[in-house]
């Protein structure tokens, strides 16, 4: 077996192990469950980003096909791309996704923002006000951040 295939398989096996761990952990019903999911998706995203450097973007499709067969259809390309996006997104942030009360749903709403101050503001509002995903959506649609005076935006 060649070295490239071994490394490629190592990345795949690491991703698979993390996802199996997450499936097992999903039986727990509390806030730590969501934090664990965010951490797992972040870790998988990091692995996917690293594997992509070596094997290109097509690796996500390959891993997705294997994972769907072995762990279930929810691990499709779109889901794996979202995991990678989560990792890349938090690479630009000053805070860790794991230490927050944000769910994956909250975080996905923040993906569209390039302004770190805006992301931080909305993340802070979720924590301060214990906002649901729907409430955060409403806050974003109302452009609450944009209505703040300039001093409050810093």
N, C-alpha and C. Protein backbone atom coordinates (compact mmCIF):
# COMPACT_ATOMS: atom_id res chain seq x y z
N UNK A 1 0.85 -1.18 0.00
CA UNK A 1 0.00 0.00 0.00
C UNK A 1 0.89 1.24 0.00
N UNK A 2 0.51 2.24 -0.75
CA UNK A 2 1.39 3.41 -0.79
C UNK A 2 1.11 4.36 0.36
N UNK A 3 2.10 5.21 0.62
CA UNK A 3 2.04 6.12 1.77
C UNK A 3 0.90 7.13 1.67
N UNK A 4 0.60 7.61 0.44
CA UNK A 4 -0.46 8.60 0.24
C UNK A 4 -1.81 8.01 0.63
N UNK A 5 -2.07 6.77 0.21
CA UNK A 5 -3.34 6.13 0.55
C UNK A 5 -3.46 5.92 2.05
N UNK A 6 -2.34 5.54 2.70
CA UNK A 6 -2.36 5.35 4.16
C UNK A 6 -2.73 6.65 4.88
N UNK A 7 -2.13 7.77 4.47
CA UNK A 7 -2.43 9.05 5.11
C UNK A 7 -3.88 9.44 4.86
N UNK A 8 -4.34 9.22 3.65
CA UNK A 8 -5.73 9.53 3.29
C UNK A 8 -6.67 8.71 4.17
N UNK A 9 -6.36 7.44 4.35
CA UNK A 9 -7.18 6.57 5.20
C UNK A 9 -7.11 7.00 6.66
N UNK A 10 -5.94 7.48 7.09
CA UNK A 10 -5.80 7.95 8.47
C UNK A 10 -6.73 9.12 8.73
N UNK A 11 -6.77 10.08 7.79
CA UNK A 11 -7.69 11.22 7.94
C UNK A 11 -9.13 10.71 8.03
N UNK A 12 -9.48 9.80 7.12
CA UNK A 12 -10.85 9.28 7.10
C UNK A 12 -11.18 8.60 8.43
N UNK A 13 -10.28 7.75 8.91
CA UNK A 13 -10.54 7.02 10.15
C UNK A 13 -10.67 7.96 11.35
N UNK A 14 -9.89 9.02 11.36
CA UNK A 14 -9.98 10.00 12.44
C UNK A 14 -11.34 10.70 12.42
N UNK A 15 -11.80 11.06 11.22
CA UNK A 15 -13.13 11.67 11.08
C UNK A 15 -14.20 10.70 11.54
N UNK A 16 -14.13 9.48 11.08
CA UNK A 16 -15.12 8.46 11.42
C UNK A 16 -15.18 8.23 12.94
N UNK A 17 -14.02 8.15 13.60
CA UNK A 17 -13.98 7.95 15.04
C UNK A 17 -14.67 9.09 15.79
N UNK A 18 -14.39 10.32 15.37
CA UNK A 18 -15.01 11.49 16.03
C UNK A 18 -16.52 11.46 15.86
N UNK A 19 -16.99 11.10 14.67
CA UNK A 19 -18.44 11.07 14.42
C UNK A 19 -19.11 9.94 15.18
N UNK A 20 -18.47 8.80 15.28
CA UNK A 20 -19.02 7.68 16.07
C UNK A 20 -19.11 8.09 17.54
N UNK A 21 -18.08 8.77 18.03
CA UNK A 21 -18.09 9.29 19.40
C UNK A 21 -19.28 10.22 19.61
N UNK A 22 -19.51 11.10 18.62
CA UNK A 22 -20.61 12.05 18.72
C UNK A 22 -21.96 11.34 18.72
N UNK A 23 -22.10 10.31 17.91
CA UNK A 23 -23.35 9.55 17.86
C UNK A 23 -23.63 8.94 19.24
N UNK A 24 -22.59 8.38 19.85
CA UNK A 24 -22.75 7.77 21.17
C UNK A 24 -23.08 8.83 22.22
N UNK A 25 -22.45 9.97 22.13
CA UNK A 25 -22.65 11.04 23.10
C UNK A 25 -24.03 11.67 22.97
N UNK A 26 -24.64 11.54 21.80
CA UNK A 26 -25.95 12.16 21.55
C UNK A 26 -27.05 11.62 22.44
N UNK A 27 -26.81 10.53 23.11
CA UNK A 27 -27.81 10.00 24.03
C UNK A 27 -27.97 10.90 25.26
N UNK A 28 -26.98 11.69 25.56
CA UNK A 28 -27.02 12.60 26.71
C UNK A 28 -27.90 13.80 26.35
N UNK A 29 -28.79 14.20 27.28
CA UNK A 29 -29.73 15.30 26.97
C UNK A 29 -29.49 16.48 27.90
N UNK A 30 -28.53 17.32 27.54
CA UNK A 30 -28.31 18.56 28.27
C UNK A 30 -27.47 19.51 27.41
N UNK A 31 -27.12 20.65 27.94
CA UNK A 31 -26.40 21.65 27.18
C UNK A 31 -25.03 21.14 26.75
N UNK A 32 -24.43 20.29 27.54
CA UNK A 32 -23.12 19.79 27.17
C UNK A 32 -23.19 18.96 25.89
N UNK A 33 -24.35 18.40 25.61
CA UNK A 33 -24.53 17.64 24.36
C UNK A 33 -24.29 18.56 23.16
N UNK A 34 -24.88 19.74 23.18
CA UNK A 34 -24.72 20.67 22.06
C UNK A 34 -23.28 21.18 21.98
N UNK A 35 -22.68 21.45 23.12
CA UNK A 35 -21.28 21.88 23.13
C UNK A 35 -20.38 20.80 22.56
N UNK A 36 -20.69 19.56 22.91
CA UNK A 36 -19.90 18.44 22.39
C UNK A 36 -20.05 18.36 20.87
N UNK A 37 -21.27 18.56 20.38
CA UNK A 37 -21.50 18.53 18.93
C UNK A 37 -20.71 19.64 18.24
N UNK A 38 -20.74 20.84 18.80
CA UNK A 38 -19.99 21.96 18.22
C UNK A 38 -18.50 21.60 18.19
N UNK A 39 -18.00 21.07 19.30
CA UNK A 39 -16.58 20.70 19.37
C UNK A 39 -16.25 19.61 18.35
N UNK A 40 -17.13 18.62 18.23
CA UNK A 40 -16.91 17.54 17.27
C UNK A 40 -16.89 18.08 15.85
N UNK A 41 -17.88 18.89 15.52
CA UNK A 41 -17.95 19.44 14.16
C UNK A 41 -16.76 20.33 13.87
N UNK A 42 -16.31 21.09 14.86
CA UNK A 42 -15.13 21.92 14.71
C UNK A 42 -13.90 21.04 14.43
N UNK A 43 -13.73 19.98 15.23
CA UNK A 43 -12.59 19.07 15.04
C UNK A 43 -12.63 18.39 13.68
N UNK A 44 -13.81 17.92 13.29
CA UNK A 44 -13.95 17.27 11.98
C UNK A 44 -13.65 18.29 10.87
N UNK A 45 -14.14 19.52 11.05
CA UNK A 45 -13.86 20.57 10.07
C UNK A 45 -12.38 20.83 9.92
N UNK A 46 -11.67 20.80 11.03
CA UNK A 46 -10.21 21.00 11.01
C UNK A 46 -9.53 19.86 10.24
N UNK A 47 -9.96 18.64 10.50
CA UNK A 47 -9.38 17.48 9.81
C UNK A 47 -9.69 17.57 8.31
N UNK A 48 -10.93 17.94 7.98
CA UNK A 48 -11.30 18.08 6.56
C UNK A 48 -10.48 19.17 5.86
N UNK A 49 -10.25 20.27 6.55
CA UNK A 49 -9.44 21.35 5.97
C UNK A 49 -8.02 20.87 5.72
N UNK A 50 -7.47 20.12 6.66
CA UNK A 50 -6.11 19.59 6.51
C UNK A 50 -6.06 18.55 5.38
N UNK A 51 -7.02 17.65 5.35
CA UNK A 51 -7.06 16.63 4.29
C UNK A 51 -7.23 17.29 2.92
N UNK A 52 -8.03 18.35 2.88
CA UNK A 52 -8.25 19.07 1.63
C UNK A 52 -6.98 19.69 1.09
N UNK A 53 -6.08 20.12 1.99
CA UNK A 53 -4.79 20.67 1.55
C UNK A 53 -3.99 19.64 0.78
N UNK A 54 -4.10 18.38 1.20
CA UNK A 54 -3.33 17.31 0.59
C UNK A 54 -4.01 16.67 -0.61
N UNK A 55 -5.35 16.58 -0.57
CA UNK A 55 -6.06 15.80 -1.58
C UNK A 55 -7.08 16.60 -2.39
N UNK A 56 -7.24 17.87 -2.10
CA UNK A 56 -8.18 18.69 -2.85
C UNK A 56 -9.60 18.59 -2.30
N UNK A 57 -10.45 19.40 -2.88
CA UNK A 57 -11.84 19.51 -2.41
C UNK A 57 -12.64 18.23 -2.63
N UNK A 58 -12.22 17.40 -3.57
CA UNK A 58 -12.93 16.15 -3.86
C UNK A 58 -12.91 15.15 -2.72
N UNK A 59 -12.02 15.37 -1.77
CA UNK A 59 -11.92 14.45 -0.64
C UNK A 59 -13.20 14.45 0.18
N UNK A 60 -13.89 15.58 0.22
CA UNK A 60 -15.14 15.65 0.99
C UNK A 60 -16.17 14.71 0.39
N UNK A 61 -16.27 14.68 -0.92
CA UNK A 61 -17.22 13.78 -1.58
C UNK A 61 -16.87 12.33 -1.28
N UNK A 62 -15.58 12.02 -1.37
CA UNK A 62 -15.14 10.65 -1.11
C UNK A 62 -15.46 10.23 0.33
N UNK A 63 -15.11 11.09 1.27
CA UNK A 63 -15.37 10.76 2.68
C UNK A 63 -16.87 10.70 2.95
N UNK A 64 -17.62 11.58 2.34
CA UNK A 64 -19.07 11.59 2.51
C UNK A 64 -19.68 10.26 2.06
N UNK A 65 -19.27 9.79 0.91
CA UNK A 65 -19.80 8.52 0.41
C UNK A 65 -19.51 7.38 1.38
N UNK A 66 -18.30 7.34 1.90
CA UNK A 66 -17.94 6.28 2.86
C UNK A 66 -18.74 6.43 4.16
N UNK A 67 -18.81 7.67 4.67
CA UNK A 67 -19.50 7.89 5.95
C UNK A 67 -20.99 7.60 5.84
N UNK A 68 -21.60 7.97 4.71
CA UNK A 68 -23.04 7.68 4.53
C UNK A 68 -23.28 6.19 4.58
N UNK A 69 -22.39 5.41 3.99
CA UNK A 69 -22.54 3.95 3.99
C UNK A 69 -22.31 3.35 5.38
N UNK A 70 -21.37 3.92 6.11
CA UNK A 70 -21.00 3.33 7.40
C UNK A 70 -21.73 3.92 8.61
N UNK A 71 -22.10 5.22 8.54
CA UNK A 71 -22.69 5.87 9.71
C UNK A 71 -24.09 6.44 9.48
N UNK A 72 -24.52 6.52 8.23
CA UNK A 72 -25.85 7.05 7.96
C UNK A 72 -25.82 8.23 7.01
N UNK A 73 -26.98 8.47 6.39
CA UNK A 73 -27.05 9.45 5.30
C UNK A 73 -26.90 10.90 5.74
N UNK A 74 -26.95 11.16 7.04
CA UNK A 74 -26.83 12.56 7.46
C UNK A 74 -25.43 13.13 7.25
N UNK A 75 -24.45 12.27 7.00
CA UNK A 75 -23.08 12.75 6.76
C UNK A 75 -22.82 12.93 5.27
N UNK A 76 -23.69 13.71 4.64
CA UNK A 76 -23.56 13.98 3.21
C UNK A 76 -22.53 15.09 2.98
N UNK A 77 -22.28 15.39 1.71
CA UNK A 77 -21.29 16.41 1.35
C UNK A 77 -21.61 17.75 2.00
N UNK A 78 -22.86 18.12 1.95
CA UNK A 78 -23.28 19.43 2.49
C UNK A 78 -22.93 19.53 3.97
N UNK A 79 -23.20 18.47 4.72
CA UNK A 79 -22.91 18.46 6.15
C UNK A 79 -21.41 18.56 6.40
N UNK A 80 -20.63 17.80 5.64
CA UNK A 80 -19.17 17.85 5.83
C UNK A 80 -18.62 19.22 5.43
N UNK A 81 -19.16 19.81 4.38
CA UNK A 81 -18.72 21.16 3.99
C UNK A 81 -19.06 22.18 5.09
N UNK A 82 -20.21 22.00 5.72
CA UNK A 82 -20.59 22.89 6.83
C UNK A 82 -19.63 22.74 8.01
N UNK A 83 -19.19 21.52 8.26
CA UNK A 83 -18.23 21.28 9.34
C UNK A 83 -16.92 21.99 9.03
N UNK A 84 -16.46 21.87 7.79
CA UNK A 84 -15.23 22.57 7.40
C UNK A 84 -15.42 24.08 7.50
N UNK A 85 -16.59 24.56 7.08
CA UNK A 85 -16.88 25.99 7.15
C UNK A 85 -16.87 26.47 8.61
N UNK A 86 -17.39 25.65 9.51
CA UNK A 86 -17.38 25.99 10.94
C UNK A 86 -15.95 26.20 11.41
N UNK A 87 -15.07 25.28 11.06
CA UNK A 87 -13.66 25.41 11.47
C UNK A 87 -13.04 26.67 10.87
N UNK A 88 -13.22 26.88 9.59
CA UNK A 88 -12.64 28.05 8.92
C UNK A 88 -13.20 29.35 9.49
N UNK A 89 -14.50 29.35 9.78
CA UNK A 89 -15.16 30.52 10.35
C UNK A 89 -14.54 30.89 11.69
N UNK A 90 -14.35 29.92 12.56
CA UNK A 90 -13.82 30.20 13.88
C UNK A 90 -12.33 30.48 13.87
N UNK A 91 -11.67 30.16 12.79
CA UNK A 91 -10.27 30.55 12.65
C UNK A 91 -10.12 32.06 12.60
N UNK A 92 -11.20 32.75 12.22
CA UNK A 92 -11.20 34.21 12.11
C UNK A 92 -11.71 34.89 13.38
N UNK A 93 -12.23 34.12 14.32
CA UNK A 93 -12.85 34.70 15.52
C UNK A 93 -11.86 34.75 16.68
N UNK A 94 -12.16 35.59 17.66
CA UNK A 94 -11.31 35.73 18.83
C UNK A 94 -11.78 34.82 19.97
N UNK A 95 -12.83 34.07 19.76
CA UNK A 95 -13.36 33.20 20.80
C UNK A 95 -13.61 31.81 20.25
N UNK A 96 -13.65 30.88 21.15
CA UNK A 96 -13.83 29.48 20.77
C UNK A 96 -15.32 29.13 20.71
N UNK A 97 -15.72 28.35 19.73
CA UNK A 97 -17.13 27.95 19.66
C UNK A 97 -17.53 27.03 20.81
N UNK A 98 -16.56 26.36 21.38
CA UNK A 98 -16.85 25.36 22.41
C UNK A 98 -17.23 26.00 23.74
N UNK A 99 -16.66 27.15 24.05
CA UNK A 99 -16.91 27.78 25.33
C UNK A 99 -18.15 28.65 25.37
N UNK A 100 -19.01 28.52 24.39
CA UNK A 100 -20.19 29.37 24.31
C UNK A 100 -21.46 28.57 24.52
N UNK A 101 -22.57 29.30 24.55
CA UNK A 101 -23.88 28.66 24.64
C UNK A 101 -24.52 28.58 23.26
N UNK A 102 -23.73 28.81 22.24
CA UNK A 102 -24.26 28.79 20.88
C UNK A 102 -24.40 27.35 20.38
N UNK A 103 -25.50 27.11 19.71
CA UNK A 103 -25.71 25.81 19.09
C UNK A 103 -25.19 25.87 17.66
N UNK A 104 -25.15 24.73 17.01
CA UNK A 104 -24.76 24.69 15.60
C UNK A 104 -25.70 25.59 14.80
N UNK A 105 -26.97 25.58 15.12
CA UNK A 105 -27.95 26.41 14.40
C UNK A 105 -27.65 27.90 14.56
N UNK A 106 -27.29 28.32 15.77
CA UNK A 106 -26.91 29.71 16.01
C UNK A 106 -25.70 30.07 15.16
N UNK A 107 -24.70 29.21 15.23
CA UNK A 107 -23.43 29.47 14.54
C UNK A 107 -23.63 29.58 13.04
N UNK A 108 -24.45 28.71 12.49
CA UNK A 108 -24.70 28.77 11.03
C UNK A 108 -25.31 30.11 10.62
N UNK A 109 -26.12 30.70 11.48
CA UNK A 109 -26.69 32.01 11.17
C UNK A 109 -25.60 33.09 11.10
N UNK A 110 -24.53 32.88 11.83
CA UNK A 110 -23.45 33.88 11.88
C UNK A 110 -22.45 33.73 10.73
N UNK A 111 -22.50 32.60 10.01
CA UNK A 111 -21.56 32.35 8.91
C UNK A 111 -21.56 33.47 7.87
N UNK A 112 -22.68 34.11 7.67
CA UNK A 112 -22.80 35.08 6.57
C UNK A 112 -22.10 36.40 6.86
N UNK A 113 -21.66 36.62 8.08
CA UNK A 113 -21.04 37.89 8.44
C UNK A 113 -19.52 37.86 8.29
N UNK A 114 -18.97 38.89 7.66
CA UNK A 114 -17.52 39.03 7.57
C UNK A 114 -16.97 39.90 8.69
N UNK A 115 -17.83 40.68 9.30
CA UNK A 115 -17.45 41.63 10.34
C UNK A 115 -17.39 40.90 11.69
N UNK A 116 -16.18 40.75 12.23
CA UNK A 116 -16.01 40.05 13.51
C UNK A 116 -16.76 40.74 14.64
N UNK A 117 -16.82 42.07 14.61
CA UNK A 117 -17.55 42.79 15.66
C UNK A 117 -19.03 42.41 15.64
N UNK A 118 -19.58 42.29 14.46
CA UNK A 118 -21.00 41.92 14.32
C UNK A 118 -21.22 40.49 14.83
N UNK A 119 -20.34 39.59 14.45
CA UNK A 119 -20.43 38.19 14.90
C UNK A 119 -20.36 38.15 16.42
N UNK A 120 -19.39 38.86 16.98
CA UNK A 120 -19.22 38.87 18.43
C UNK A 120 -20.43 39.46 19.13
N UNK A 121 -20.99 40.52 18.57
CA UNK A 121 -22.17 41.14 19.16
C UNK A 121 -23.33 40.15 19.23
N UNK A 122 -23.63 39.52 18.10
CA UNK A 122 -24.77 38.59 18.09
C UNK A 122 -24.52 37.37 18.96
N UNK A 123 -23.28 36.87 18.98
CA UNK A 123 -22.96 35.73 19.85
C UNK A 123 -23.15 36.13 21.32
N UNK A 124 -22.73 37.33 21.66
CA UNK A 124 -22.89 37.83 23.01
C UNK A 124 -24.37 37.96 23.38
N UNK A 125 -25.19 38.41 22.43
CA UNK A 125 -26.63 38.55 22.68
C UNK A 125 -27.28 37.20 22.94
N UNK A 126 -26.86 36.18 22.20
CA UNK A 126 -27.40 34.83 22.42
C UNK A 126 -27.12 34.41 23.85
N UNK A 127 -25.90 34.64 24.30
CA UNK A 127 -25.53 34.23 25.66
C UNK A 127 -26.23 35.06 26.72
N UNK A 128 -26.24 36.38 26.55
CA UNK A 128 -26.85 37.27 27.56
C UNK A 128 -28.35 37.04 27.69
N UNK A 129 -29.02 36.89 26.54
CA UNK A 129 -30.49 36.81 26.53
C UNK A 129 -31.02 35.38 26.41
N UNK A 130 -30.12 34.41 26.33
CA UNK A 130 -30.53 33.01 26.11
C UNK A 130 -31.47 32.89 24.91
N UNK A 131 -31.04 33.43 23.79
CA UNK A 131 -31.87 33.45 22.59
C UNK A 131 -31.91 32.10 21.89
N UNK A 132 -33.07 31.76 21.39
CA UNK A 132 -33.21 30.56 20.56
C UNK A 132 -32.70 30.91 19.15
N UNK A 133 -32.61 29.94 18.30
CA UNK A 133 -32.20 30.18 16.92
C UNK A 133 -33.17 31.15 16.25
N UNK A 134 -34.43 30.92 16.45
CA UNK A 134 -35.46 31.77 15.83
C UNK A 134 -35.36 33.21 16.34
N UNK A 135 -35.12 33.37 17.63
CA UNK A 135 -34.99 34.72 18.19
C UNK A 135 -33.74 35.43 17.64
N UNK A 136 -32.67 34.67 17.47
CA UNK A 136 -31.47 35.26 16.87
C UNK A 136 -31.74 35.68 15.43
N UNK A 137 -32.44 34.84 14.70
CA UNK A 137 -32.81 35.18 13.32
C UNK A 137 -33.57 36.50 13.28
N UNK A 138 -34.52 36.65 14.18
CA UNK A 138 -35.32 37.88 14.24
C UNK A 138 -34.44 39.09 14.58
N UNK A 139 -33.51 38.91 15.48
CA UNK A 139 -32.59 39.98 15.86
C UNK A 139 -31.74 40.42 14.66
N UNK A 140 -31.26 39.45 13.92
CA UNK A 140 -30.44 39.73 12.74
C UNK A 140 -31.27 40.43 11.67
N UNK A 141 -32.49 39.92 11.43
CA UNK A 141 -33.37 40.53 10.43
C UNK A 141 -33.73 41.96 10.80
N UNK A 142 -33.85 42.23 12.09
CA UNK A 142 -34.19 43.59 12.53
C UNK A 142 -32.99 44.53 12.45
N UNK A 143 -31.82 43.96 12.13
CA UNK A 143 -30.58 44.74 12.01
C UNK A 143 -30.25 45.49 13.29
N UNK A 144 -30.39 44.80 14.40
CA UNK A 144 -30.12 45.42 15.70
C UNK A 144 -28.70 45.98 15.77
N UNK A 145 -27.74 45.22 15.30
CA UNK A 145 -26.34 45.67 15.36
C UNK A 145 -26.15 46.96 14.57
N UNK A 146 -26.72 47.02 13.39
CA UNK A 146 -26.56 48.20 12.53
C UNK A 146 -27.18 49.45 13.16
N UNK A 147 -28.17 49.28 14.00
CA UNK A 147 -28.83 50.42 14.64
C UNK A 147 -28.09 50.95 15.86
N UNK A 148 -27.09 50.21 16.32
CA UNK A 148 -26.32 50.68 17.47
C UNK A 148 -25.51 51.91 17.10
N UNK A 149 -25.24 52.77 18.10
CA UNK A 149 -24.36 53.90 17.80
C UNK A 149 -22.93 53.36 17.66
N UNK A 150 -22.08 54.11 17.04
CA UNK A 150 -20.73 53.65 16.70
C UNK A 150 -19.93 53.22 17.92
N UNK A 151 -20.08 53.89 19.03
CA UNK A 151 -19.35 53.52 20.24
C UNK A 151 -19.74 52.14 20.75
N UNK A 152 -21.00 51.81 20.65
CA UNK A 152 -21.49 50.52 21.14
C UNK A 152 -21.03 49.38 20.24
N UNK A 153 -20.67 49.66 19.01
CA UNK A 153 -20.24 48.63 18.07
C UNK A 153 -18.81 48.15 18.33
N UNK A 154 -18.07 48.88 19.10
CA UNK A 154 -16.66 48.51 19.34
C UNK A 154 -16.47 47.53 20.43
